[in-house]
mmCIF file of all heavy atoms, coordinates in Angstrom:
data_MODEL
# 
_entry.id   MODEL 
# 
loop_
_atom_site.group_PDB 
_atom_site.id 
_atom_site.type_symbol 
_atom_site.label_atom_id 
_atom_site.label_alt_id 
_atom_site.label_comp_id 
_atom_site.label_asym_id 
_atom_site.label_entity_id 
_atom_site.label_seq_id 
_atom_site.pdbx_PDB_ins_code 
_atom_site.Cartn_x 
_atom_site.Cartn_y 
_atom_site.Cartn_z 
_atom_site.occupancy 
_atom_site.B_iso_or_equiv 
_atom_site.pdbx_formal_charge 
_atom_site.auth_seq_id 
_atom_site.auth_comp_id 
_atom_site.auth_asym_id 
_atom_site.auth_atom_id 
_atom_site.pdbx_PDB_model_num 
ATOM 1   N N   . ASN A 1 1  ? -82.818 -14.876 21.626 1.00 0.00 ? 1  ASN A N   1 
ATOM 2   C CA  . ASN A 1 1  ? -83.864 -15.389 20.746 1.00 0.00 ? 1  ASN A CA  1 
ATOM 3   C C   . ASN A 1 1  ? -84.875 -14.284 20.473 1.00 0.00 ? 1  ASN A C   1 
ATOM 4   O O   . ASN A 1 1  ? -85.490 -13.744 21.390 1.00 0.00 ? 1  ASN A O   1 
ATOM 5   C CB  . ASN A 1 1  ? -84.544 -16.596 21.397 1.00 0.00 ? 1  ASN A CB  1 
ATOM 6   C CG  . ASN A 1 1  ? -85.522 -17.281 20.459 1.00 0.00 ? 1  ASN A CG  1 
ATOM 7   O OD1 . ASN A 1 1  ? -86.481 -16.681 20.004 1.00 0.00 ? 1  ASN A OD1 1 
ATOM 8   N ND2 . ASN A 1 1  ? -85.275 -18.558 20.192 1.00 0.00 ? 1  ASN A ND2 1 
ATOM 9   N N   . LYS A 1 2  ? -85.076 -13.932 19.214 1.00 0.00 ? 2  LYS A N   1 
ATOM 10  C CA  . LYS A 1 2  ? -85.952 -12.825 18.861 1.00 0.00 ? 2  LYS A CA  1 
ATOM 11  C C   . LYS A 1 2  ? -87.417 -13.108 19.177 1.00 0.00 ? 2  LYS A C   1 
ATOM 12  O O   . LYS A 1 2  ? -88.199 -12.195 19.409 1.00 0.00 ? 2  LYS A O   1 
ATOM 13  C CB  . LYS A 1 2  ? -85.831 -12.514 17.361 1.00 0.00 ? 2  LYS A CB  1 
ATOM 14  C CG  . LYS A 1 2  ? -84.576 -11.781 17.001 1.00 0.00 ? 2  LYS A CG  1 
ATOM 15  C CD  . LYS A 1 2  ? -84.243 -11.722 15.531 1.00 0.00 ? 2  LYS A CD  1 
ATOM 16  C CE  . LYS A 1 2  ? -85.347 -11.858 14.561 1.00 0.00 ? 2  LYS A CE  1 
ATOM 17  N NZ  . LYS A 1 2  ? -84.864 -11.803 13.161 1.00 0.00 ? 2  LYS A NZ  1 
ATOM 18  N N   . HIS A 1 3  ? -87.793 -14.376 19.189 1.00 0.00 ? 3  HIS A N   1 
ATOM 19  C CA  . HIS A 1 3  ? -89.202 -14.726 19.358 1.00 0.00 ? 3  HIS A CA  1 
ATOM 20  C C   . HIS A 1 3  ? -89.604 -14.824 20.827 1.00 0.00 ? 3  HIS A C   1 
ATOM 21  O O   . HIS A 1 3  ? -90.748 -14.541 21.172 1.00 0.00 ? 3  HIS A O   1 
ATOM 22  C CB  . HIS A 1 3  ? -89.485 -16.053 18.647 1.00 0.00 ? 3  HIS A CB  1 
ATOM 23  C CG  . HIS A 1 3  ? -88.942 -16.099 17.248 1.00 0.00 ? 3  HIS A CG  1 
ATOM 24  N ND1 . HIS A 1 3  ? -89.426 -15.299 16.241 1.00 0.00 ? 3  HIS A ND1 1 
ATOM 25  C CD2 . HIS A 1 3  ? -87.935 -16.831 16.696 1.00 0.00 ? 3  HIS A CD2 1 
ATOM 26  C CE1 . HIS A 1 3  ? -88.753 -15.540 15.119 1.00 0.00 ? 3  HIS A CE1 1 
ATOM 27  N NE2 . HIS A 1 3  ? -87.833 -16.461 15.373 1.00 0.00 ? 3  HIS A NE2 1 
ATOM 28  N N   . THR A 1 4  ? -88.649 -15.202 21.679 1.00 0.00 ? 4  THR A N   1 
ATOM 29  C CA  . THR A 1 4  ? -88.966 -15.396 23.097 1.00 0.00 ? 4  THR A CA  1 
ATOM 30  C C   . THR A 1 4  ? -88.301 -14.375 24.012 1.00 0.00 ? 4  THR A C   1 
ATOM 31  O O   . THR A 1 4  ? -88.720 -14.221 25.169 1.00 0.00 ? 4  THR A O   1 
ATOM 32  C CB  . THR A 1 4  ? -88.529 -16.796 23.550 1.00 0.00 ? 4  THR A CB  1 
ATOM 33  O OG1 . THR A 1 4  ? -87.088 -16.889 23.484 1.00 0.00 ? 4  THR A OG1 1 
ATOM 34  C CG2 . THR A 1 4  ? -89.147 -17.873 22.670 1.00 0.00 ? 4  THR A CG2 1 
ATOM 35  N N   . GLY A 1 5  ? -87.274 -13.692 23.532 1.00 0.00 ? 5  GLY A N   1 
ATOM 36  C CA  . GLY A 1 5  ? -86.517 -12.776 24.380 1.00 0.00 ? 5  GLY A CA  1 
ATOM 37  C C   . GLY A 1 5  ? -85.553 -13.483 25.309 1.00 0.00 ? 5  GLY A C   1 
ATOM 38  O O   . GLY A 1 5  ? -84.936 -12.851 26.167 1.00 0.00 ? 5  GLY A O   1 
ATOM 39  N N   . THR A 1 6  ? -85.380 -14.783 25.150 1.00 0.00 ? 6  THR A N   1 
ATOM 40  C CA  . THR A 1 6  ? -84.497 -15.568 26.015 1.00 0.00 ? 6  THR A CA  1 
ATOM 41  C C   . THR A 1 6  ? -83.037 -15.341 25.632 1.00 0.00 ? 6  THR A C   1 
ATOM 42  O O   . THR A 1 6  ? -82.670 -15.423 24.452 1.00 0.00 ? 6  THR A O   1 
ATOM 43  C CB  . THR A 1 6  ? -84.820 -17.068 25.910 1.00 0.00 ? 6  THR A CB  1 
ATOM 44  O OG1 . THR A 1 6  ? -86.204 -17.270 26.221 1.00 0.00 ? 6  THR A OG1 1 
ATOM 45  C CG2 . THR A 1 6  ? -83.958 -17.873 26.859 1.00 0.00 ? 6  THR A CG2 1 
ATOM 46  N N   . VAL A 1 7  ? -82.217 -15.069 26.625 1.00 0.00 ? 7  VAL A N   1 
ATOM 47  C CA  . VAL A 1 7  ? -80.780 -14.914 26.402 1.00 0.00 ? 7  VAL A CA  1 
ATOM 48  C C   . VAL A 1 7  ? -80.119 -16.279 26.562 1.00 0.00 ? 7  VAL A C   1 
ATOM 49  O O   . VAL A 1 7  ? -80.332 -16.974 27.559 1.00 0.00 ? 7  VAL A O   1 
ATOM 50  C CB  . VAL A 1 7  ? -80.167 -13.916 27.399 1.00 0.00 ? 7  VAL A CB  1 
ATOM 51  C CG1 . VAL A 1 7  ? -78.682 -13.726 27.118 1.00 0.00 ? 7  VAL A CG1 1 
ATOM 52  C CG2 . VAL A 1 7  ? -80.893 -12.583 27.331 1.00 0.00 ? 7  VAL A CG2 1 
ATOM 53  N N   . SER A 1 8  ? -79.317 -16.676 25.595 1.00 0.00 ? 8  SER A N   1 
ATOM 54  C CA  . SER A 1 8  ? -78.630 -17.959 25.677 1.00 0.00 ? 8  SER A CA  1 
ATOM 55  C C   . SER A 1 8  ? -77.719 -17.992 26.901 1.00 0.00 ? 8  SER A C   1 
ATOM 56  O O   . SER A 1 8  ? -76.991 -17.021 27.162 1.00 0.00 ? 8  SER A O   1 
ATOM 57  C CB  . SER A 1 8  ? -77.801 -18.208 24.416 1.00 0.00 ? 8  SER A CB  1 
ATOM 58  O OG  . SER A 1 8  ? -76.971 -19.348 24.567 1.00 0.00 ? 8  SER A OG  1 
ATOM 59  N N   . PRO A 1 9  ? -77.732 -19.093 27.680 1.00 0.00 ? 9  PRO A N   1 
ATOM 60  C CA  . PRO A 1 9  ? -76.817 -19.186 28.821 1.00 0.00 ? 9  PRO A CA  1 
ATOM 61  C C   . PRO A 1 9  ? -75.357 -19.349 28.402 1.00 0.00 ? 9  PRO A C   1 
ATOM 62  O O   . PRO A 1 9  ? -74.450 -19.168 29.218 1.00 0.00 ? 9  PRO A O   1 
ATOM 63  C CB  . PRO A 1 9  ? -77.317 -20.427 29.557 1.00 0.00 ? 9  PRO A CB  1 
ATOM 64  C CG  . PRO A 1 9  ? -77.969 -21.259 28.493 1.00 0.00 ? 9  PRO A CG  1 
ATOM 65  C CD  . PRO A 1 9  ? -78.583 -20.282 27.543 1.00 0.00 ? 9  PRO A CD  1 
ATOM 66  N N   . VAL A 1 10 ? -75.144 -19.673 27.134 1.00 0.00 ? 10 VAL A N   1 
ATOM 67  C CA  . VAL A 1 10 ? -73.785 -19.864 26.635 1.00 0.00 ? 10 VAL A CA  1 
ATOM 68  C C   . VAL A 1 10 ? -73.158 -18.512 26.313 1.00 0.00 ? 10 VAL A C   1 
ATOM 69  O O   . VAL A 1 10 ? -73.747 -17.695 25.604 1.00 0.00 ? 10 VAL A O   1 
ATOM 70  C CB  . VAL A 1 10 ? -73.773 -20.757 25.383 1.00 0.00 ? 10 VAL A CB  1 
ATOM 71  C CG1 . VAL A 1 10 ? -72.338 -20.937 24.864 1.00 0.00 ? 10 VAL A CG1 1 
ATOM 72  C CG2 . VAL A 1 10 ? -74.418 -22.102 25.663 1.00 0.00 ? 10 VAL A CG2 1 
ATOM 73  N N   . LYS A 1 11 ? -71.974 -18.288 26.847 1.00 0.00 ? 11 LYS A N   1 
ATOM 74  C CA  . LYS A 1 11 ? -71.205 -17.099 26.504 1.00 0.00 ? 11 LYS A CA  1 
ATOM 75  C C   . LYS A 1 11 ? -70.130 -17.502 25.496 1.00 0.00 ? 11 LYS A C   1 
ATOM 76  O O   . LYS A 1 11 ? -69.305 -18.370 25.770 1.00 0.00 ? 11 LYS A O   1 
ATOM 77  C CB  . LYS A 1 11 ? -70.571 -16.481 27.748 1.00 0.00 ? 11 LYS A CB  1 
ATOM 78  C CG  . LYS A 1 11 ? -71.579 -15.783 28.657 1.00 0.00 ? 11 LYS A CG  1 
ATOM 79  C CD  . LYS A 1 11 ? -70.891 -15.094 29.825 1.00 0.00 ? 11 LYS A CD  1 
ATOM 80  C CE  . LYS A 1 11 ? -71.904 -14.352 30.679 1.00 0.00 ? 11 LYS A CE  1 
ATOM 81  N NZ  . LYS A 1 11 ? -71.278 -13.685 31.841 1.00 0.00 ? 11 LYS A NZ  1 
ATOM 82  N N   . TYR A 1 12 ? -70.184 -16.869 24.351 1.00 0.00 ? 12 TYR A N   1 
ATOM 83  C CA  . TYR A 1 12 ? -69.215 -17.135 23.301 1.00 0.00 ? 12 TYR A CA  1 
ATOM 84  C C   . TYR A 1 12 ? -68.112 -16.087 23.420 1.00 0.00 ? 12 TYR A C   1 
ATOM 85  O O   . TYR A 1 12 ? -68.359 -14.886 23.265 1.00 0.00 ? 12 TYR A O   1 
ATOM 86  C CB  . TYR A 1 12 ? -69.892 -17.077 21.936 1.00 0.00 ? 12 TYR A CB  1 
ATOM 87  C CG  . TYR A 1 12 ? -71.022 -18.074 21.784 1.00 0.00 ? 12 TYR A CG  1 
ATOM 88  C CD1 . TYR A 1 12 ? -72.319 -17.750 22.171 1.00 0.00 ? 12 TYR A CD1 1 
ATOM 89  C CD2 . TYR A 1 12 ? -70.791 -19.347 21.264 1.00 0.00 ? 12 TYR A CD2 1 
ATOM 90  C CE1 . TYR A 1 12 ? -73.362 -18.663 22.041 1.00 0.00 ? 12 TYR A CE1 1 
ATOM 91  C CE2 . TYR A 1 12 ? -71.815 -20.263 21.128 1.00 0.00 ? 12 TYR A CE2 1 
ATOM 92  C CZ  . TYR A 1 12 ? -73.097 -19.912 21.523 1.00 0.00 ? 12 TYR A CZ  1 
ATOM 93  O OH  . TYR A 1 12 ? -74.122 -20.830 21.397 1.00 0.00 ? 12 TYR A OH  1 
ATOM 94  N N   . LEU A 1 13 ? -66.916 -16.535 23.739 1.00 0.00 ? 13 LEU A N   1 
ATOM 95  C CA  . LEU A 1 13 ? -65.797 -15.634 24.002 1.00 0.00 ? 13 LEU A CA  1 
ATOM 96  C C   . LEU A 1 13 ? -64.867 -15.562 22.803 1.00 0.00 ? 13 LEU A C   1 
ATOM 97  O O   . LEU A 1 13 ? -64.756 -16.506 22.011 1.00 0.00 ? 13 LEU A O   1 
ATOM 98  C CB  . LEU A 1 13 ? -65.010 -16.120 25.222 1.00 0.00 ? 13 LEU A CB  1 
ATOM 99  C CG  . LEU A 1 13 ? -65.810 -16.393 26.508 1.00 0.00 ? 13 LEU A CG  1 
ATOM 100 C CD1 . LEU A 1 13 ? -64.905 -16.968 27.580 1.00 0.00 ? 13 LEU A CD1 1 
ATOM 101 C CD2 . LEU A 1 13 ? -66.487 -15.120 26.999 1.00 0.00 ? 13 LEU A CD2 1 
ATOM 102 N N   . ALA A 1 14 ? -64.200 -14.423 22.676 1.00 0.00 ? 14 ALA A N   1 
ATOM 103 C CA  . ALA A 1 14 ? -63.163 -14.240 21.660 1.00 0.00 ? 14 ALA A CA  1 
ATOM 104 C C   . ALA A 1 14 ? -62.113 -13.313 22.241 1.00 0.00 ? 14 ALA A C   1 
ATOM 105 O O   . ALA A 1 14 ? -62.343 -12.637 23.247 1.00 0.00 ? 14 ALA A O   1 
ATOM 106 C CB  . ALA A 1 14 ? -63.748 -13.667 20.381 1.00 0.00 ? 14 ALA A CB  1 
ATOM 107 N N   . LYS A 1 15 ? -60.958 -13.270 21.610 1.00 0.00 ? 15 LYS A N   1 
ATOM 108 C CA  . LYS A 1 15 ? -59.912 -12.377 22.102 1.00 0.00 ? 15 LYS A CA  1 
ATOM 109 C C   . LYS A 1 15 ? -60.382 -10.926 21.975 1.00 0.00 ? 15 LYS A C   1 
ATOM 110 O O   . LYS A 1 15 ? -61.346 -10.631 21.248 1.00 0.00 ? 15 LYS A O   1 
ATOM 111 C CB  . LYS A 1 15 ? -58.616 -12.607 21.327 1.00 0.00 ? 15 LYS A CB  1 
ATOM 112 C CG  . LYS A 1 15 ? -58.637 -12.149 19.884 1.00 0.00 ? 15 LYS A CG  1 
ATOM 113 C CD  . LYS A 1 15 ? -57.285 -12.359 19.222 1.00 0.00 ? 15 LYS A CD  1 
ATOM 114 C CE  . LYS A 1 15 ? -57.265 -11.769 17.808 1.00 0.00 ? 15 LYS A CE  1 
ATOM 115 N NZ  . LYS A 1 15 ? -55.945 -11.904 17.162 1.00 0.00 ? 15 LYS A NZ  1 
ATOM 116 N N   . PRO A 1 16 ? -59.745 -10.002 22.673 1.00 0.00 ? 16 PRO A N   1 
ATOM 117 C CA  . PRO A 1 16 ? -60.181 -8.599  22.624 1.00 0.00 ? 16 PRO A CA  1 
ATOM 118 C C   . PRO A 1 16 ? -60.212 -8.060  21.195 1.00 0.00 ? 16 PRO A C   1 
ATOM 119 O O   . PRO A 1 16 ? -59.264 -8.232  20.429 1.00 0.00 ? 16 PRO A O   1 
ATOM 120 C CB  . PRO A 1 16 ? -59.135 -7.870  23.464 1.00 0.00 ? 16 PRO A CB  1 
ATOM 121 C CG  . PRO A 1 16 ? -58.557 -8.912  24.357 1.00 0.00 ? 16 PRO A CG  1 
ATOM 122 C CD  . PRO A 1 16 ? -58.585 -10.190 23.577 1.00 0.00 ? 16 PRO A CD  1 
ATOM 123 N N   . LEU A 1 17 ? -61.315 -7.435  20.838 1.00 0.00 ? 17 LEU A N   1 
ATOM 124 C CA  . LEU A 1 17 ? -61.442 -6.804  19.529 1.00 0.00 ? 17 LEU A CA  1 
ATOM 125 C C   . LEU A 1 17 ? -62.340 -5.589  19.655 1.00 0.00 ? 17 LEU A C   1 
ATOM 126 O O   . LEU A 1 17 ? -63.055 -5.416  20.649 1.00 0.00 ? 17 LEU A O   1 
ATOM 127 C CB  . LEU A 1 17 ? -61.987 -7.783  18.482 1.00 0.00 ? 17 LEU A CB  1 
ATOM 128 C CG  . LEU A 1 17 ? -63.379 -8.390  18.674 1.00 0.00 ? 17 LEU A CG  1 
ATOM 129 C CD1 . LEU A 1 17 ? -64.508 -7.452  18.259 1.00 0.00 ? 17 LEU A CD1 1 
ATOM 130 C CD2 . LEU A 1 17 ? -63.505 -9.684  17.888 1.00 0.00 ? 17 LEU A CD2 1 
ATOM 131 N N   . ALA A 1 18 ? -62.287 -4.750  18.643 1.00 0.00 ? 18 ALA A N   1 
ATOM 132 C CA  . ALA A 1 18 ? -63.159 -3.580  18.575 1.00 0.00 ? 18 ALA A CA  1 
ATOM 133 C C   . ALA A 1 18 ? -63.903 -3.609  17.257 1.00 0.00 ? 18 ALA A C   1 
ATOM 134 O O   . ALA A 1 18 ? -63.307 -3.861  16.202 1.00 0.00 ? 18 ALA A O   1 
ATOM 135 C CB  . ALA A 1 18 ? -62.338 -2.292  18.686 1.00 0.00 ? 18 ALA A CB  1 
ATOM 136 N N   . THR A 1 19 ? -65.200 -3.387  17.301 1.00 0.00 ? 19 THR A N   1 
ATOM 137 C CA  . THR A 1 19 ? -66.008 -3.408  16.081 1.00 0.00 ? 19 THR A CA  1 
ATOM 138 C C   . THR A 1 19 ? -67.024 -2.280  16.106 1.00 0.00 ? 19 THR A C   1 
ATOM 139 O O   . THR A 1 19 ? -67.627 -1.991  17.146 1.00 0.00 ? 19 THR A O   1 
ATOM 140 C CB  . THR A 1 19 ? -66.720 -4.769  15.913 1.00 0.00 ? 19 THR A CB  1 
ATOM 141 O OG1 . THR A 1 19 ? -67.539 -4.732  14.730 1.00 0.00 ? 19 THR A OG1 1 
ATOM 142 C CG2 . THR A 1 19 ? -67.599 -5.107  17.111 1.00 0.00 ? 19 THR A CG2 1 
ATOM 143 N N   . PHE A 1 20 ? -67.178 -1.640  14.976 1.00 0.00 ? 20 PHE A N   1 
ATOM 144 C CA  . PHE A 1 20 ? -68.239 -0.649  14.793 1.00 0.00 ? 20 PHE A CA  1 
ATOM 145 C C   . PHE A 1 20 ? -69.410 -1.247  14.029 1.00 0.00 ? 20 PHE A C   1 
ATOM 146 O O   . PHE A 1 20 ? -70.559 -1.071  14.403 1.00 0.00 ? 20 PHE A O   1 
ATOM 147 C CB  . PHE A 1 20 ? -67.706 0.570   14.021 1.00 0.00 ? 20 PHE A CB  1 
ATOM 148 C CG  . PHE A 1 20 ? -66.925 1.533   14.857 1.00 0.00 ? 20 PHE A CG  1 
ATOM 149 C CD1 . PHE A 1 20 ? -65.538 1.517   14.851 1.00 0.00 ? 20 PHE A CD1 1 
ATOM 150 C CD2 . PHE A 1 20 ? -67.572 2.471   15.636 1.00 0.00 ? 20 PHE A CD2 1 
ATOM 151 C CE1 . PHE A 1 20 ? -64.817 2.408   15.615 1.00 0.00 ? 20 PHE A CE1 1 
ATOM 152 C CE2 . PHE A 1 20 ? -66.852 3.375   16.403 1.00 0.00 ? 20 PHE A CE2 1 
ATOM 153 C CZ  . PHE A 1 20 ? -65.474 3.345   16.395 1.00 0.00 ? 20 PHE A CZ  1 
ATOM 154 N N   . HIS A 1 21 ? -69.094 -1.951  12.917 1.00 0.00 ? 21 HIS A N   1 
ATOM 155 C CA  . HIS A 1 21 ? -70.156 -2.384  12.010 1.00 0.00 ? 21 HIS A CA  1 
ATOM 156 C C   . HIS A 1 21 ? -70.072 -3.884  11.727 1.00 0.00 ? 21 HIS A C   1 
ATOM 157 O O   . HIS A 1 21 ? -68.993 -4.410  11.461 1.00 0.00 ? 21 HIS A O   1 
ATOM 158 C CB  . HIS A 1 21 ? -70.057 -1.626  10.685 1.00 0.00 ? 21 HIS A CB  1 
ATOM 159 C CG  . HIS A 1 21 ? -70.155 -0.142  10.837 1.00 0.00 ? 21 HIS A CG  1 
ATOM 160 N ND1 . HIS A 1 21 ? -69.072 0.705   10.731 1.00 0.00 ? 21 HIS A ND1 1 
ATOM 161 C CD2 . HIS A 1 21 ? -71.215 0.657   11.117 1.00 0.00 ? 21 HIS A CD2 1 
ATOM 162 C CE1 . HIS A 1 21 ? -69.455 1.944   10.922 1.00 0.00 ? 21 HIS A CE1 1 
ATOM 163 N NE2 . HIS A 1 21 ? -70.749 1.950   11.162 1.00 0.00 ? 21 HIS A NE2 1 
ATOM 164 N N   . GLN A 1 22 ? -71.233 -4.529  11.781 1.00 0.00 ? 22 GLN A N   1 
ATOM 165 C CA  . GLN A 1 22 ? -71.339 -5.914  11.360 1.00 0.00 ? 22 GLN A CA  1 
ATOM 166 C C   . GLN A 1 22 ? -71.774 -5.947  9.899  1.00 0.00 ? 22 GLN A C   1 
ATOM 167 O O   . GLN A 1 22 ? -72.463 -5.046  9.423  1.00 0.00 ? 22 GLN A O   1 
ATOM 168 C CB  . GLN A 1 22 ? -72.336 -6.674  12.237 1.00 0.00 ? 22 GLN A CB  1 
ATOM 169 C CG  . GLN A 1 22 ? -71.823 -6.946  13.649 1.00 0.00 ? 22 GLN A CG  1 
ATOM 170 C CD  . GLN A 1 22 ? -71.786 -5.695  14.508 1.00 0.00 ? 22 GLN A CD  1 
ATOM 171 O OE1 . GLN A 1 22 ? -72.793 -5.025  14.667 1.00 0.00 ? 22 GLN A OE1 1 
ATOM 172 N NE2 . GLN A 1 22 ? -70.628 -5.367  15.052 1.00 0.00 ? 22 GLN A NE2 1 
ATOM 173 N N   . ILE A 1 23 ? -71.370 -6.994  9.203  1.00 0.00 ? 23 ILE A N   1 
ATOM 174 C CA  . ILE A 1 23 ? -71.686 -7.114  7.780  1.00 0.00 ? 23 ILE A CA  1 
ATOM 175 C C   . ILE A 1 23 ? -72.997 -7.870  7.591  1.00 0.00 ? 23 ILE A C   1 
ATOM 176 O O   . ILE A 1 23 ? -73.919 -7.404  6.934  1.00 0.00 ? 23 ILE A O   1 
ATOM 177 C CB  . ILE A 1 23 ? -70.541 -7.834  7.029  1.00 0.00 ? 23 ILE A CB  1 
ATOM 178 C CG1 . ILE A 1 23 ? -69.214 -7.105  7.267  1.00 0.00 ? 23 ILE A CG1 1 
ATOM 179 C CG2 . ILE A 1 23 ? -70.847 -7.921  5.536  1.00 0.00 ? 23 ILE A CG2 1 
ATOM 180 C CD1 . ILE A 1 23 ? -67.986 -7.889  6.823  1.00 0.00 ? 23 ILE A CD1 1 
ATOM 181 N N   . ASN A 1 24 ? -73.086 -9.066  8.205  1.00 0.00 ? 24 ASN A N   1 
ATOM 182 C CA  . ASN A 1 24 ? -74.289 -9.898  8.077  1.00 0.00 ? 24 ASN A CA  1 
ATOM 183 C C   . ASN A 1 24 ? -74.185 -11.032 9.086  1.00 0.00 ? 24 ASN A C   1 
ATOM 184 O O   . ASN A 1 24 ? -73.113 -11.285 9.660  1.00 0.00 ? 24 ASN A O   1 
ATOM 185 C CB  . ASN A 1 24 ? -74.402 -10.457 6.651  1.00 0.00 ? 24 ASN A CB  1 
ATOM 186 C CG  . ASN A 1 24 ? -75.804 -10.939 6.316  1.00 0.00 ? 24 ASN A CG  1 
ATOM 187 O OD1 . ASN A 1 24 ? -76.735 -10.745 7.096  1.00 0.00 ? 24 ASN A OD1 1 
ATOM 188 N ND2 . ASN A 1 24 ? -75.966 -11.570 5.163  1.00 0.00 ? 24 ASN A ND2 1 
ATOM 189 N N   . ALA A 1 25 ? -75.295 -11.720 9.318  1.00 0.00 ? 25 ALA A N   1 
ATOM 190 C CA  . ALA A 1 25 ? -75.319 -12.907 10.172 1.00 0.00 ? 25 ALA A CA  1 
ATOM 191 C C   . ALA A 1 25 ? -76.392 -13.842 9.644  1.00 0.00 ? 25 ALA A C   1 
ATOM 192 O O   . ALA A 1 25 ? -77.452 -13.395 9.198  1.00 0.00 ? 25 ALA A O   1 
ATOM 193 C CB  . ALA A 1 25 ? -75.590 -12.529 11.633 1.00 0.00 ? 25 ALA A CB  1 
ATOM 194 N N   . PHE A 1 26 ? -76.113 -15.147 9.704  1.00 0.00 ? 26 PHE A N   1 
ATOM 195 C CA  . PHE A 1 26 ? -77.105 -16.121 9.227  1.00 0.00 ? 26 PHE A CA  1 
ATOM 196 C C   . PHE A 1 26 ? -76.881 -17.463 9.914  1.00 0.00 ? 26 PHE A C   1 
ATOM 197 O O   . PHE A 1 26 ? -75.803 -17.741 10.444 1.00 0.00 ? 26 PHE A O   1 
ATOM 198 C CB  . PHE A 1 26 ? -77.044 -16.279 7.703  1.00 0.00 ? 26 PHE A CB  1 
ATOM 199 C CG  . PHE A 1 26 ? -75.706 -16.732 7.162  1.00 0.00 ? 26 PHE A CG  1 
ATOM 200 C CD1 . PHE A 1 26 ? -75.406 -18.084 7.015  1.00 0.00 ? 26 PHE A CD1 1 
ATOM 201 C CD2 . PHE A 1 26 ? -74.735 -15.806 6.794  1.00 0.00 ? 26 PHE A CD2 1 
ATOM 202 C CE1 . PHE A 1 26 ? -74.183 -18.503 6.520  1.00 0.00 ? 26 PHE A CE1 1 
ATOM 203 C CE2 . PHE A 1 26 ? -73.507 -16.207 6.297  1.00 0.00 ? 26 PHE A CE2 1 
ATOM 204 C CZ  . PHE A 1 26 ? -73.226 -17.564 6.160  1.00 0.00 ? 26 PHE A CZ  1 
ATOM 205 N N   . GLU A 1 27 ? -77.937 -18.258 9.927  1.00 0.00 ? 27 GLU A N   1 
ATOM 206 C CA  . GLU A 1 27 ? -77.896 -19.578 10.558 1.00 0.00 ? 27 GLU A CA  1 
ATOM 207 C C   . GLU A 1 27 ? -77.833 -20.656 9.484  1.00 0.00 ? 27 GLU A C   1 
ATOM 208 O O   . GLU A 1 27 ? -78.514 -20.561 8.461  1.00 0.00 ? 27 GLU A O   1 
ATOM 209 C CB  . GLU A 1 27 ? -79.145 -19.783 11.422 1.00 0.00 ? 27 GLU A CB  1 
ATOM 210 C CG  . GLU A 1 27 ? -79.294 -18.750 12.525 1.00 0.00 ? 27 GLU A CG  1 
ATOM 211 C CD  . GLU A 1 27 ? -80.729 -18.608 12.990 1.00 0.00 ? 27 GLU A CD  1 
ATOM 212 O OE1 . GLU A 1 27 ? -81.397 -19.648 13.192 1.00 0.00 ? 27 GLU A OE1 1 
ATOM 213 O OE2 . GLU A 1 27 ? -81.198 -17.464 13.140 1.00 0.00 ? 27 GLU A OE2 1 
ATOM 214 N N   . GLU A 1 28 ? -77.022 -21.684 9.758  1.00 0.00 ? 28 GLU A N   1 
ATOM 215 C CA  . GLU A 1 28 ? -76.877 -22.775 8.798  1.00 0.00 ? 28 GLU A CA  1 
ATOM 216 C C   . GLU A 1 28 ? -76.335 -24.006 9.516  1.00 0.00 ? 28 GLU A C   1 
ATOM 217 O O   . GLU A 1 28 ? -75.290 -23.939 10.169 1.00 0.00 ? 28 GLU A O   1 
ATOM 218 C CB  . GLU A 1 28 ? -75.921 -22.335 7.669  1.00 0.00 ? 28 GLU A CB  1 
ATOM 219 C CG  . GLU A 1 28 ? -75.961 -23.192 6.431  1.00 0.00 ? 28 GLU A CG  1 
ATOM 220 C CD  . GLU A 1 28 ? -75.139 -22.580 5.305  1.00 0.00 ? 28 GLU A CD  1 
ATOM 221 O OE1 . GLU A 1 28 ? -73.905 -22.531 5.426  1.00 0.00 ? 28 GLU A OE1 1 
ATOM 222 O OE2 . GLU A 1 28 ? -75.752 -22.127 4.320  1.00 0.00 ? 28 GLU A OE2 1 
ATOM 223 N N   . ASP A 1 29 ? -77.065 -25.113 9.450  1.00 0.00 ? 29 ASP A N   1 
ATOM 224 C CA  . ASP A 1 29 ? -76.615 -26.390 10.022 1.00 0.00 ? 29 ASP A CA  1 
ATOM 225 C C   . ASP A 1 29 ? -76.255 -26.264 11.506 1.00 0.00 ? 29 ASP A C   1 
ATOM 226 O O   . ASP A 1 29 ? -75.171 -26.674 11.939 1.00 0.00 ? 29 ASP A O   1 
ATOM 227 C CB  . ASP A 1 29 ? -75.406 -26.931 9.233  1.00 0.00 ? 29 ASP A CB  1 
ATOM 228 C CG  . ASP A 1 29 ? -75.730 -27.194 7.774  1.00 0.00 ? 29 ASP A CG  1 
ATOM 229 O OD1 . ASP A 1 29 ? -76.880 -27.560 7.489  1.00 0.00 ? 29 ASP A OD1 1 
ATOM 230 O OD2 . ASP A 1 29 ? -74.850 -27.006 6.929  1.00 0.00 ? 29 ASP A OD2 1 
# 
């Protein structure tokens, strides 16, 4: 959370991947 610095206790897992660049991120519903 950018406003509080709190790290979510939920870990969101995905299969192994490699990434250099993100395109965008947004919140909705």
